[in-house]
Amino acid sequence: MSAQICGLIPVYNNHMTIAHMVHALLKKLNFVIIVNDGSNDGTEITLQTLLKELPGSIDIVNHPHNCGKGVAVQNGLKRASELKFTHAIQVDADGQHDTDDLPKFITAIEHHSRALILGTPIYGDDIPIIRKYGRKLTQAMLALEMGQWSVPDGMIGYRGYPVEAICQLGRMDPRMSFDPEVLIRAHWAGLPLIYIPTEVRYPSPEEGGISHFKMVNDNVRHTWIHIRLILQAPFQLLAKAFRKPDE
């Protein structure tokens, strides 16, 4: 069966960039699912306009209040499954990701239908220092959880998800910690991980570059998630070693 691929954009208060990102995805894909995670800055109005302008090309899942990126992505994947898409390519709503690289993700999906396709970020000078070194710490944790030194970036939201395989992993962290958790659990489940180099930029606030990362709350969640994953890792990696490749 050939891959049926949609775009997936979780969005919360990105009224300056969401329309551009939707149109950019539709240049390469036929359909985009948008999960409006309780936006109240005018994003919700823009989405209703897009729905009228692009009938049959987009679907909007509305959360009545902000639930978190993890919930938004997981509900978007659930909606993709309901609409019979086999894969969903996720991009962030703030314009960080280079949609010109979408054909690379599509090709990888077509050749590796079971794989989780992960963007490997190429950062410019605009990356905030705290994010740069925070990501290095996350990668150290991933190495322990994956049982290997060569690990992907755990935080980039540019990914190609095999819908059913990810949905079968069960519910995961509702907020930012979903990003590293899902790749670890996919790795433990035996899904191949394919890496696609892609440039990542950090738009200025004037361009709509708004971070929803909560420095204290999200770092506490990250710490708790990684403690849980590290404690589970020996058992999961042992089970993975004895699992048949096709299981």
C-alpha atoms as a PDB file:
ATOM      1  CA  MET A   1       0.000   0.000   0.000  1.00  0.00           C
ATOM      2  CA  SER A   2       1.389   3.416  -0.945  1.00  0.00           C
ATOM      3  CA  ALA A   3       1.839   6.025   1.744  1.00  0.00           C
ATOM      4  CA  GLN A   4      -1.004   8.460   2.334  1.00  0.00           C
ATOM      5  CA  ILE A   5       0.716  11.499   3.812  1.00  0.00           C
ATOM      6  CA  CYS A   6      -0.763  14.597   5.420  1.00  0.00           C
ATOM      7  CA  GLY A   7       0.777  17.609   7.108  1.00  0.00           C
ATOM      8  CA  LEU A   8       0.286  18.215  10.828  1.00  0.00           C
ATOM      9  CA  ILE A   9       0.619  21.578  12.588  1.00  0.00           C
ATOM     10  CA  PRO A  10       0.002  21.996  16.329  1.00  0.00           C
ATOM     11  CA  VAL A  11      -0.625  25.681  16.950  1.00  0.00           C
ATOM     12  CA  TYR A  12      -1.051  27.893  19.985  1.00  0.00           C
ATOM     13  CA  ASN A  13      -1.144  31.669  19.554  1.00  0.00           C
ATOM     14  CA  ASN A  14       0.872  31.960  16.331  1.00  0.00           C
ATOM     15  CA  HIS A  15      -1.446  34.304  14.445  1.00  0.00           C
ATOM     16  CA  MET A  16       1.415  35.933  12.483  1.00  0.00           C
ATOM     17  CA  THR A  17       2.811  32.719  10.997  1.00  0.00           C
ATOM     18  CA  ILE A  18       0.127  30.031  10.860  1.00  0.00           C
ATOM     19  CA  ALA A  19      -1.339  30.965   7.457  1.00  0.00           C
ATOM     20  CA  HIS A  20       2.116  31.002   5.847  1.00  0.00           C
ATOM     21  CA  MET A  21       2.937  27.566   7.274  1.00  0.00           C
ATOM     22  CA  VAL A  22      -0.349  26.064   6.084  1.00  0.00           C
ATOM     23  CA  HIS A  23       0.144  27.364   2.550  1.00  0.00           C
ATOM     24  CA  ALA A  24       3.788  26.215   2.558  1.00  0.00           C
ATOM     25  CA  LEU A  25       2.771  22.652   3.445  1.00  0.00           C
ATOM     26  CA  LEU A  26       0.021  22.606   0.840  1.00  0.00           C
ATOM     27  CA  LYS A  27       2.595  23.316  -1.872  1.00  0.00           C
ATOM     28  CA  LYS A  28       4.016  19.829  -1.228  1.00  0.00           C
ATOM     29  CA  LEU A  29       1.102  17.951   0.359  1.00  0.00           C
ATOM     30  CA  ASN A  30      -2.577  17.638  -0.490  1.00  0.00           C
ATOM     31  CA  PHE A  31      -3.960  17.895   3.035  1.00  0.00           C
ATOM     32  CA  VAL A  32      -3.034  19.486   6.370  1.00  0.00           C
ATOM     33  CA  ILE A  33      -4.436  18.788   9.831  1.00  0.00           C
ATOM     34  CA  ILE A  34      -4.194  21.742  12.216  1.00  0.00           C
ATOM     35  CA  VAL A  35      -4.668  21.299  15.952  1.00  0.00           C
ATOM     36  CA  ASN A  36      -5.682  24.611  17.488  1.00  0.00           C
ATOM     37  CA  ASP A  37      -4.562  24.187  21.095  1.00  0.00           C
ATOM     38  CA  GLY A  38      -6.785  26.813  22.705  1.00  0.00           C
ATOM     39  CA  SER A  39      -5.470  29.856  20.816  1.00  0.00           C
ATOM     40  CA  ASN A  40      -6.938  33.208  21.846  1.00  0.00           C
ATOM     41  CA  ASP A  41      -4.731  35.768  20.049  1.00  0.00           C
ATOM     42  CA  GLY A  42      -6.568  35.797  16.717  1.00  0.00           C
ATOM     43  CA  THR A  43      -5.104  32.524  15.464  1.00  0.00           C
ATOM     44  CA  GLU A  44      -8.550  30.983  15.798  1.00  0.00           C
ATOM     45  CA  ILE A  45      -9.989  33.636  13.455  1.00  0.00           C
ATOM     46  CA  THR A  46      -7.236  33.051  10.895  1.00  0.00           C
ATOM     47  CA  LEU A  47      -7.942  29.314  10.984  1.00  0.00           C
ATOM     48  CA  GLN A  48     -11.640  29.824  10.275  1.00  0.00           C
ATOM     49  CA  THR A  49     -10.704  32.037   7.317  1.00  0.00           C
ATOM     50  CA  LEU A  50      -8.344  29.346   6.014  1.00  0.00           C
ATOM     51  CA  LEU A  51     -11.080  26.743   6.376  1.00  0.00           C
ATOM     52  CA  LYS A  52     -13.314  28.791   4.084  1.00  0.00           C
ATOM     53  CA  GLU A  53     -10.505  29.552   1.621  1.00  0.00           C
ATOM     54  CA  LEU A  54      -9.182  25.983   1.404  1.00  0.00           C
ATOM     55  CA  PRO A  55     -12.204  23.647   1.430  1.00  0.00           C
ATOM     56  CA  GLY A  56     -11.184  20.010   1.284  1.00  0.00           C
ATOM     57  CA  SER A  57      -7.514  20.796   1.940  1.00  0.00           C
ATOM     58  CA  ILE A  58      -7.414  21.315   5.697  1.00  0.00           C
ATOM     59  CA  ASP A  59      -9.017  19.917   8.815  1.00  0.00           C
ATOM     60  CA  ILE A  60      -9.031  21.720  12.164  1.00  0.00           C
ATOM     61  CA  VAL A  61      -9.125  20.048  15.561  1.00  0.00           C
ATOM     62  CA  ASN A  62     -10.072  22.627  18.205  1.00  0.00           C
ATOM     63  CA  HIS A  63      -9.145  22.370  21.878  1.00  0.00           C
ATOM     64  CA  PRO A  64     -11.341  24.540  24.124  1.00  0.00           C
ATOM     65  CA  HIS A  65      -8.280  25.457  26.204  1.00  0.00           C
ATOM     66  CA  ASN A  66      -4.519  25.031  26.014  1.00  0.00           C
ATOM     67  CA  CYS A  67      -3.661  21.372  26.668  1.00  0.00           C
ATOM     68  CA  GLY A  68      -0.002  21.297  25.617  1.00  0.00           C
ATOM     69  CA  LYS A  69       1.998  20.415  22.531  1.00  0.00           C
ATOM     70  CA  GLY A  70       2.071  16.706  23.358  1.00  0.00           C
ATOM     71  CA  VAL A  71      -1.707  16.487  23.517  1.00  0.00           C
ATOM     72  CA  ALA A  72      -2.004  18.525  20.314  1.00  0.00           C
ATOM     73  CA  VAL A  73       0.329  16.246  18.355  1.00  0.00           C
ATOM     74  CA  GLN A  74      -1.241  13.068  19.715  1.00  0.00           C
ATOM     75  CA  ASN A  75      -4.762  14.274  18.929  1.00  0.00           C
ATOM     76  CA  GLY A  76      -3.560  15.301  15.482  1.00  0.00           C
ATOM     77  CA  LEU A  77      -2.214  11.795  14.875  1.00  0.00           C
ATOM     78  CA  LYS A  78      -5.496  10.328  16.084  1.00  0.00           C
ATOM     79  CA  ARG A  79      -7.348  12.535  13.603  1.00  0.00           C
ATOM     80  CA  ALA A  80      -4.946  11.479  10.827  1.00  0.00           C
ATOM     81  CA  SER A  81      -5.771   7.856  11.617  1.00  0.00           C
ATOM     82  CA  GLU A  82      -9.511   8.588  11.466  1.00  0.00           C
ATOM     83  CA  LEU A  83      -9.008  10.182   8.038  1.00  0.00           C
ATOM     84  CA  LYS A  84      -7.055   7.100   6.843  1.00  0.00           C
ATOM     85  CA  PHE A  85      -3.658   8.758   6.470  1.00  0.00           C
ATOM     86  CA  THR A  86      -0.737   6.389   6.973  1.00  0.00           C
ATOM     87  CA  HIS A  87       1.795   9.134   7.794  1.00  0.00           C
ATOM     88  CA  ALA A  88       1.824  12.688   9.087  1.00  0.00           C
ATOM     89  CA  ILE A  89       4.649  15.191   8.665  1.00  0.00           C
ATOM     90  CA  GLN A  90       4.665  17.589  11.605  1.00  0.00           C
ATOM     91  CA  VAL A  91       6.085  21.101  11.499  1.00  0.00           C
ATOM     92  CA  ASP A  92       5.911  23.801  14.154  1.00  0.00           C
ATOM     93  CA  ALA A  93       3.607  26.754  13.563  1.00  0.00           C
ATOM     94  CA  ASP A  94       6.154  29.520  14.195  1.00  0.00           C
ATOM     95  CA  GLY A  95       8.134  29.308  10.954  1.00  0.00           C
ATOM     96  CA  GLN A  96      11.256  27.622  12.371  1.00  0.00           C
ATOM     97  CA  HIS A  97      11.246  24.776   9.877  1.00  0.00           C
ATOM     98  CA  ASP A  98      12.322  24.795   6.239  1.00  0.00           C
ATOM     99  CA  THR A  99       9.372  23.436   4.284  1.00  0.00           C
ATOM    100  CA  ASP A 100      11.561  23.225   1.174  1.00  0.00           C
ATOM    101  CA  ASP A 101      12.881  20.035   2.792  1.00  0.00           C
ATOM    102  CA  LEU A 102       9.458  18.380   2.744  1.00  0.00           C
ATOM    103  CA  PRO A 103      10.310  16.299  -0.365  1.00  0.00           C
ATOM    104  CA  LYS A 104      13.171  14.694   1.613  1.00  0.00           C
ATOM    105  CA  PHE A 105      10.731  13.655   4.328  1.00  0.00           C
ATOM    106  CA  ILE A 106       8.244  12.352   1.755  1.00  0.00           C
ATOM    107  CA  THR A 107      10.929  10.290   0.005  1.00  0.00           C
ATOM    108  CA  ALA A 108      12.131   8.862   3.328  1.00  0.00           C
ATOM    109  CA  ILE A 109       8.566   7.849   4.227  1.00  0.00           C
ATOM    110  CA  GLU A 110       8.048   6.176   0.849  1.00  0.00           C
ATOM    111  CA  HIS A 111      11.237   4.125   1.293  1.00  0.00           C
ATOM    112  CA  HIS A 112      10.925   3.434   5.036  1.00  0.00           C
ATOM    113  CA  SER A 113       7.220   3.164   5.842  1.00  0.00           C
ATOM    114  CA  ARG A 114       7.724   1.890   9.428  1.00  0.00           C
ATOM    115  CA  ALA A 115      10.304   4.508  10.367  1.00  0.00           C
ATOM    116  CA  LEU A 116      10.031   7.618  12.491  1.00  0.00           C
ATOM    117  CA  ILE A 117      11.583  10.345  10.341  1.00  0.00           C
ATOM    118  CA  LEU A 118      13.451  12.900  12.441  1.00  0.00           C
ATOM    119  CA  GLY A 119      14.765  16.258  11.367  1.00  0.00           C
ATOM    120  CA  THR A 120      18.424  16.730  12.267  1.00  0.00           C
ATOM    121  CA  PRO A 121      18.699  20.474  12.917  1.00  0.00           C
ATOM    122  CA  ILE A 122      21.348  22.656  11.350  1.00  0.00           C
ATOM    123  CA  TYR A 123      21.353  25.760  13.522  1.00  0.00           C
ATOM    124  CA  GLY A 124      22.409  29.250  12.590  1.00  0.00           C
ATOM    125  CA  ASP A 125      23.799  31.962  14.826  1.00  0.00           C
ATOM    126  CA  ASP A 126      20.288  32.909  15.923  1.00  0.00           C
ATOM    127  CA  ILE A 127      19.828  29.927  18.247  1.00  0.00           C
ATOM    128  CA  PRO A 128      19.504  31.135  21.866  1.00  0.00           C
ATOM    129  CA  ILE A 129      22.466  29.995  23.981  1.00  0.00           C
ATOM    130  CA  ILE A 130      20.264  28.455  26.677  1.00  0.00           C
ATOM    131  CA  ARG A 131      18.503  26.311  24.067  1.00  0.00           C
ATOM    132  CA  LYS A 132      21.797  25.269  22.489  1.00  0.00           C
ATOM    133  CA  TYR A 133      23.219  23.883  25.718  1.00  0.00           C
ATOM    134  CA  GLY A 134      19.870  22.630  26.969  1.00  0.00           C
ATOM    135  CA  ARG A 135      19.642  20.436  23.889  1.00  0.00           C
ATOM    136  CA  LYS A 136      23.114  19.018  24.571  1.00  0.00           C
ATOM    137  CA  LEU A 137      21.948  17.947  28.033  1.00  0.00           C
ATOM    138  CA  THR A 138      18.837  16.355  26.525  1.00  0.00           C
ATOM    139  CA  GLN A 139      21.004  14.406  24.078  1.00  0.00           C
ATOM    140  CA  ALA A 140      23.098  13.058  26.962  1.00  0.00           C
ATOM    141  CA  MET A 141      19.903  11.757  28.556  1.00  0.00           C
ATOM    142  CA  LEU A 142      18.788  10.234  25.259  1.00  0.00           C
ATOM    143  CA  ALA A 143      22.084   8.364  24.980  1.00  0.00           C
ATOM    144  CA  LEU A 144      21.415   6.666  28.323  1.00  0.00           C
ATOM    145  CA  GLU A 145      17.822   5.861  27.371  1.00  0.00           C
ATOM    146  CA  MET A 146      18.689   4.542  23.895  1.00  0.00           C
ATOM    147  CA  GLY A 147      21.794   2.637  24.984  1.00  0.00           C
ATOM    148  CA  GLN A 148      23.987   4.233  22.305  1.00  0.00           C
ATOM    149  CA  TRP A 149      26.203   7.276  21.895  1.00  0.00           C
ATOM    150  CA  SER A 150      24.927   8.435  18.513  1.00  0.00           C
ATOM    151  CA  VAL A 151      21.508   9.938  19.178  1.00  0.00           C
ATOM    152  CA  PRO A 152      19.110  12.284  17.345  1.00  0.00           C
ATOM    153  CA  ASP A 153      18.065  15.743  18.441  1.00  0.00           C
ATOM    154  CA  GLY A 154      15.273  15.109  20.903  1.00  0.00           C
ATOM    155  CA  MET A 155      13.467  18.429  20.707  1.00  0.00           C
ATOM    156  CA  ILE A 156      13.014  19.349  17.036  1.00  0.00           C
ATOM    157  CA  GLY A 157       9.361  19.230  15.990  1.00  0.00           C
ATOM    158  CA  TYR A 158      10.023  18.535  12.294  1.00  0.00           C
ATOM    159  CA  ARG A 159       9.115  14.860  11.995  1.00  0.00           C
ATOM    160  CA  GLY A 160       7.447  12.263   9.833  1.00  0.00           C
ATOM    161  CA  TYR A 161       5.268   9.964  11.938  1.00  0.00           C
ATOM    162  CA  PRO A 162       3.995   6.498  10.935  1.00  0.00           C
ATOM    163  CA  VAL A 163       0.525   7.138  12.294  1.00  0.00           C
ATOM    164  CA  GLU A 164      -0.695   3.736  13.476  1.00  0.00           C
ATOM    165  CA  ALA A 165       2.658   2.677  14.930  1.00  0.00           C
ATOM    166  CA  ILE A 166       2.902   5.850  17.025  1.00  0.00           C
ATOM    167  CA  CYS A 167      -0.722   5.689  18.156  1.00  0.00           C
ATOM    168  CA  GLN A 168      -0.112   2.128  19.366  1.00  0.00           C
ATOM    169  CA  LEU A 169       2.598   3.354  21.761  1.00  0.00           C
ATOM    170  CA  GLY A 170      -0.105   4.768  24.046  1.00  0.00           C
ATOM    171  CA  ARG A 171      -0.597   8.209  25.528  1.00  0.00           C
ATOM    172  CA  MET A 172       2.550  10.128  26.383  1.00  0.00           C
ATOM    173  CA  ASP A 173       3.553  13.417  27.970  1.00  0.00           C
ATOM    174  CA  PRO A 174       0.976  16.151  27.281  1.00  0.00           C
ATOM    175  CA  ARG A 175       3.475  18.991  26.885  1.00  0.00           C
ATOM    176  CA  MET A 176       6.948  19.678  25.453  1.00  0.00           C
ATOM    177  CA  SER A 177       8.433  16.458  26.852  1.00  0.00           C
ATOM    178  CA  PHE A 178       6.399  14.515  24.310  1.00  0.00           C
ATOM    179  CA  ASP A 179       9.106  15.193  21.711  1.00  0.00           C
ATOM    180  CA  PRO A 180      11.906  13.207  23.402  1.00  0.00           C
ATOM    181  CA  GLU A 181       9.549  10.637  24.921  1.00  0.00           C
ATOM    182  CA  VAL A 182       7.974   9.577  21.639  1.00  0.00           C
ATOM    183  CA  LEU A 183      11.295   8.988  19.899  1.00  0.00           C
ATOM    184  CA  ILE A 184      12.579   6.932  22.858  1.00  0.00           C
ATOM    185  CA  ARG A 185       9.441   4.812  22.966  1.00  0.00           C
ATOM    186  CA  ALA A 186       9.530   4.385  19.177  1.00  0.00           C
ATOM    187  CA  HIS A 187      13.157   3.234  19.450  1.00  0.00           C
ATOM    188  CA  TRP A 188      12.283   0.766  22.211  1.00  0.00           C
ATOM    189  CA  ALA A 189       9.393  -0.552  20.087  1.00  0.00           C
ATOM    190  CA  GLY A 190      11.816  -1.327  17.282  1.00  0.00           C
ATOM    191  CA  LEU A 191      10.783   1.396  14.846  1.00  0.00           C
ATOM    192  CA  PRO A 192      13.679   2.504  12.619  1.00  0.00           C
ATOM    193  CA  LEU A 193      14.824   6.100  13.063  1.00  0.00           C
ATOM    194  CA  ILE A 194      15.753   7.997   9.889  1.00  0.00           C
ATOM    195  CA  TYR A 195      17.508  11.368  10.111  1.00  0.00           C
ATOM    196  CA  ILE A 196      16.994  14.243   7.668  1.00  0.00           C
ATOM    197  CA  PRO A 197      19.378  17.245   7.966  1.00  0.00           C
ATOM    198  CA  THR A 198      17.398  20.483   7.850  1.00  0.00           C
ATOM    199  CA  GLU A 199      18.090  24.115   8.662  1.00  0.00           C
ATOM    200  CA  VAL A 200      16.285  25.575  11.672  1.00  0.00           C
ATOM    201  CA  ARG A 201      15.903  29.287  12.248  1.00  0.00           C
ATOM    202  CA  TYR A 202      14.582  31.252  15.208  1.00  0.00           C
ATOM    203  CA  PRO A 203      12.298  34.028  13.923  1.00  0.00           C
ATOM    204  CA  SER A 204      12.325  37.283  15.858  1.00  0.00           C
ATOM    205  CA  PRO A 205       9.225  38.345  17.834  1.00  0.00           C
ATOM    206  CA  GLU A 206       8.528  40.856  15.042  1.00  0.00           C
ATOM    207  CA  GLU A 207       8.336  37.899  12.627  1.00  0.00           C
ATOM    208  CA  GLY A 208       6.038  35.948  14.920  1.00  0.00           C
ATOM    209  CA  GLY A 209       8.755  33.936  16.661  1.00  0.00           C
ATOM    210  CA  ILE A 210       7.095  33.253  20.010  1.00  0.00           C
ATOM    211  CA  SER A 211       8.320  30.540  22.374  1.00  0.00           C
ATOM    212  CA  HIS A 212       5.763  28.798  24.569  1.00  0.00           C
ATOM    213  CA  PHE A 213       8.451  26.936  26.513  1.00  0.00           C
ATOM    214  CA  LYS A 214       7.938  27.544  30.248  1.00  0.00           C
ATOM    215  CA  MET A 215      11.433  27.674  31.707  1.00  0.00           C
ATOM    216  CA  VAL A 216      10.611  26.288  35.169  1.00  0.00           C
ATOM    217  CA  ASN A 217       7.574  24.079  34.557  1.00  0.00           C
ATOM    218  CA  ASP A 218       8.804  22.493  31.334  1.00  0.00           C
ATOM    219  CA  ASN A 219      12.303  21.855  32.672  1.00  0.00           C
ATOM    220  CA  VAL A 220      10.809  20.142  35.714  1.00  0.00           C
ATOM    221  CA  ARG A 221       8.676  18.000  33.385  1.00  0.00           C
ATOM    222  CA  HIS A 222      11.713  17.192  31.236  1.00  0.00           C
ATOM    223  CA  THR A 223      13.652  16.089  34.315  1.00  0.00           C
ATOM    224  CA  TRP A 224      10.809  13.885  35.544  1.00  0.00           C
ATOM    225  CA  ILE A 225      10.260  12.301  32.127  1.00  0.00           C
ATOM    226  CA  HIS A 226      13.960  11.501  31.726  1.00  0.00           C
ATOM    227  CA  ILE A 227      14.164   9.993  35.218  1.00  0.00           C
ATOM    228  CA  ARG A 228      11.262   7.696  34.312  1.00  0.00           C
ATOM    229  CA  LEU A 229      12.752   6.774  30.949  1.00  0.00           C
ATOM    230  CA  ILE A 230      16.238   6.095  32.350  1.00  0.00           C
ATOM    231  CA  LEU A 231      14.764   3.805  35.013  1.00  0.00           C
ATOM    232  CA  GLN A 232      12.776   1.912  32.365  1.00  0.00           C
ATOM    233  CA  ALA A 233      15.608   1.807  29.819  1.00  0.00           C
ATOM    234  CA  PRO A 234      17.450  -1.378  30.963  1.00  0.00           C
ATOM    235  CA  PHE A 235      14.266  -3.450  30.838  1.00  0.00           C
ATOM    236  CA  GLN A 236      13.059  -1.945  27.550  1.00  0.00           C
ATOM    237  CA  LEU A 237      16.434  -2.339  25.833  1.00  0.00           C
ATOM    238  CA  LEU A 238      16.676  -5.953  27.005  1.00  0.00           C
ATOM    239  CA  ALA A 239      13.201  -6.677  25.642  1.00  0.00           C
ATOM    240  CA  LYS A 240      14.150  -4.941  22.384  1.00  0.00           C
ATOM    241  CA  ALA A 241      17.268  -7.096  22.045  1.00  0.00           C
ATOM    242  CA  PHE A 242      15.207 -10.310  22.227  1.00  0.00           C
ATOM    243  CA  ARG A 243      12.306  -9.080  20.088  1.00  0.00           C
ATOM    244  CA  LYS A 244      12.013 -10.420  16.552  1.00  0.00           C
ATOM    245  CA  PRO A 245      12.610  -7.650  13.934  1.00  0.00           C
ATOM    246  CA  ASP A 246       9.052  -7.805  12.575  1.00  0.00           C
ATOM    247  CA  GLU A 247       7.302  -7.699  15.970  1.00  0.00           C
END
